[in-house]
Amino acid sequence: MRFFQFLRALAAELTAGRNEDPAVVPRKERAFHAPRAKDKLGRAGEDLAAARFEKSGWKILERNLSLPSCEIDIIARDGGNLVFAEVKTRRREGYADPYVEVPETRRDRMRRAAGEYLRWRGLDRQTPRRFDIVMIVWPEGEDPRFEHIKDAF
């Protein structure tokens, strides 16, 4: 199966003339399942974060990109920086701080995924990048509260 993904990526590279590395191919979309309430909330939070980033002048490059290491919620360009953002959306207060919500294992996987993304897109490994955490608390029937931590790790 992986061999055919490699061949498809290689063929796309040759026909499109892109500089992508065919050895790093994003995973296929996950099999369809009925959305759960928390999935809808998470998607709404990611939509809100992406809209706020675009309003701030960022260019959204990817959303919910599944790479071999992990899924990255938002990949955007903020000036000269490539930003890999993890979005956490909750219904109520009382959750731990963002650094606890995004554990060290997740941060390590995001760092590996950033390297995979750079190879996949044919970008220089020295490309300036940062990792942001976005915390959204969105109680039912209320306006969301948005906290954005730039260069969180």
Protein backbone atom coordinates (compact mmCIF):
# COMPACT_ATOMS: atom_id res chain seq x y z
CA MET A 1 0.00 0.00 0.00
CA ARG A 2 2.75 2.44 0.93
CA PHE A 3 4.54 1.59 -2.34
CA PHE A 4 1.51 2.74 -4.34
CA GLN A 5 1.32 5.94 -2.32
CA PHE A 6 4.96 6.53 -3.16
CA LEU A 7 4.30 5.93 -6.87
CA ARG A 8 1.31 8.29 -6.88
CA ALA A 9 3.33 10.98 -5.14
CA LEU A 10 6.23 10.52 -7.53
CA ALA A 11 3.94 10.69 -10.55
CA ALA A 12 2.32 13.85 -9.20
CA GLU A 13 5.74 15.38 -8.65
CA LEU A 14 6.88 14.57 -12.16
CA THR A 15 3.72 15.82 -13.82
CA ALA A 16 3.29 18.95 -11.72
CA GLY A 17 6.97 19.84 -11.55
CA ARG A 18 6.78 20.37 -7.80
CA ASN A 19 9.76 20.04 -5.47
CA GLU A 20 8.01 17.79 -2.96
CA ASP A 21 9.75 14.82 -1.42
CA PRO A 22 7.72 11.74 -2.46
CA ALA A 23 9.00 9.77 0.54
CA VAL A 24 6.73 11.76 2.87
CA VAL A 25 3.13 11.35 1.83
CA PRO A 26 0.23 12.49 4.02
CA ARG A 27 -2.08 9.76 5.23
CA LYS A 28 -5.40 9.26 3.49
CA GLU A 29 -8.49 10.85 4.91
CA ARG A 30 -9.82 8.81 7.77
CA ALA A 31 -12.79 6.57 7.18
CA PHE A 32 -16.07 8.42 7.59
CA HIS A 33 -17.76 8.17 10.94
CA ALA A 34 -20.70 10.11 12.33
CA PRO A 35 -19.36 13.27 13.98
CA ARG A 36 -19.53 13.31 17.75
CA ALA A 37 -20.34 16.44 19.72
CA LYS A 38 -16.69 16.91 20.72
CA ASP A 39 -15.63 16.53 17.06
CA LYS A 40 -18.06 19.28 16.04
CA LEU A 41 -16.79 21.52 18.84
CA GLY A 42 -13.17 20.87 17.85
CA ARG A 43 -13.91 21.64 14.20
CA ALA A 44 -15.73 24.85 15.16
CA GLY A 45 -12.74 25.89 17.29
CA GLU A 46 -10.32 25.21 14.45
CA ASP A 47 -12.54 27.21 12.08
CA LEU A 48 -12.54 30.11 14.54
CA ALA A 49 -8.76 29.98 14.96
CA ALA A 50 -8.19 29.84 11.19
CA ALA A 51 -10.54 32.79 10.64
CA ARG A 52 -8.72 34.84 13.28
CA PHE A 53 -5.35 33.98 11.76
CA GLU A 54 -6.53 35.04 8.29
CA LYS A 55 -7.96 38.26 9.71
CA SER A 56 -4.52 38.95 11.19
CA GLY A 57 -2.96 38.61 7.73
CA TRP A 58 -1.73 35.02 8.01
CA LYS A 59 -1.95 32.69 5.03
CA ILE A 60 -3.48 29.31 5.90
CA LEU A 61 -1.53 26.60 4.05
CA GLU A 62 -3.04 23.39 5.47
CA ARG A 63 -5.84 22.33 7.80
CA ASN A 64 -6.01 18.98 9.60
CA LEU A 65 -3.04 17.57 7.73
CA SER A 66 -2.33 13.95 8.68
CA LEU A 67 1.35 13.16 8.37
CA PRO A 68 3.00 9.92 9.45
CA SER A 69 3.97 11.42 12.84
CA CYS A 70 0.69 13.11 13.74
CA GLU A 71 -2.12 15.34 12.56
CA ILE A 72 -1.49 19.07 12.59
CA ASP A 73 -4.55 21.26 13.06
CA ILE A 74 -3.36 24.37 11.21
CA ILE A 75 -0.23 25.15 9.22
CA ALA A 76 0.03 28.82 8.29
CA ARG A 77 2.50 31.44 7.16
CA ASP A 78 2.90 34.43 9.47
CA GLY A 79 5.27 36.76 7.67
CA GLY A 80 8.47 34.76 7.25
CA ASN A 81 7.54 32.10 9.82
CA LEU A 82 5.89 28.78 9.16
CA VAL A 83 3.45 28.24 12.04
CA PHE A 84 2.28 24.82 13.23
CA ALA A 85 -0.73 25.39 15.50
CA GLU A 86 -2.46 23.00 17.86
CA VAL A 87 -6.02 24.08 18.67
CA LYS A 88 -7.75 22.93 21.87
CA THR A 89 -11.43 23.78 22.27
CA ARG A 90 -13.32 23.16 25.49
CA ARG A 91 -16.90 23.82 26.63
CA ARG A 92 -16.05 24.99 30.13
CA GLU A 93 -13.33 26.46 32.28
CA GLY A 94 -11.44 24.32 34.72
CA TYR A 95 -9.12 22.56 32.33
CA ALA A 96 -5.40 22.59 32.85
CA ASP A 97 -3.20 25.22 31.29
CA PRO A 98 -2.31 24.88 27.59
CA TYR A 99 1.06 23.32 28.33
CA VAL A 100 -0.65 20.45 30.14
CA GLU A 101 -3.35 20.13 27.47
CA VAL A 102 -0.61 19.61 24.86
CA PRO A 103 1.70 17.06 26.55
CA GLU A 104 5.39 16.68 25.75
CA THR A 105 4.75 13.55 23.66
CA ARG A 106 2.37 15.53 21.44
CA ARG A 107 4.90 18.36 21.14
CA ASP A 108 7.60 15.87 20.07
CA ARG A 109 5.29 14.39 17.44
CA MET A 110 4.49 17.88 16.14
CA ARG A 111 8.21 18.67 15.83
CA ARG A 112 8.74 15.47 13.83
CA ALA A 113 5.70 16.24 11.69
CA ALA A 114 7.09 19.72 10.97
CA GLY A 115 10.26 18.13 9.59
CA GLU A 116 8.15 15.73 7.51
CA TYR A 117 6.10 18.65 6.18
CA LEU A 118 9.24 20.56 5.18
CA ARG A 119 10.58 17.50 3.32
CA TRP A 120 7.20 16.81 1.72
CA ARG A 121 6.94 20.38 0.42
CA GLY A 122 10.59 20.54 -0.58
CA LEU A 123 11.35 23.37 1.83
CA ASP A 124 14.70 24.08 3.44
CA ARG A 125 15.09 22.52 6.91
CA GLN A 126 16.30 25.93 8.09
CA THR A 127 12.93 27.52 7.26
CA PRO A 128 11.92 29.67 10.26
CA ARG A 129 9.11 27.90 12.10
CA ARG A 130 7.32 28.04 15.37
CA PHE A 131 4.76 26.05 17.28
CA ASP A 132 1.69 27.80 18.67
CA ILE A 133 -1.08 26.64 20.98
CA VAL A 134 -4.58 28.06 20.71
CA MET A 135 -6.95 27.50 23.65
CA ILE A 136 -10.62 28.27 23.11
CA VAL A 137 -13.19 28.03 25.88
CA TRP A 138 -16.63 28.12 24.29
CA PRO A 139 -19.48 27.64 26.79
CA GLU A 140 -22.85 26.67 25.33
CA GLY A 141 -24.74 29.78 24.21
CA GLU A 142 -21.88 32.18 24.96
CA ASP A 143 -19.14 33.87 22.98
CA PRO A 144 -15.84 31.97 22.82
CA ARG A 145 -12.79 33.09 24.78
CA PHE A 146 -9.62 32.84 22.72
CA GLU A 147 -6.07 32.49 24.05
CA HIS A 148 -3.20 32.29 21.56
CA ILE A 149 0.27 31.38 22.80
CA LYS A 150 2.87 32.13 20.14
CA ASP A 151 6.08 30.11 20.11
CA ALA A 152 4.72 27.86 22.87
CA PHE A 153 7.43 25.23 22.45
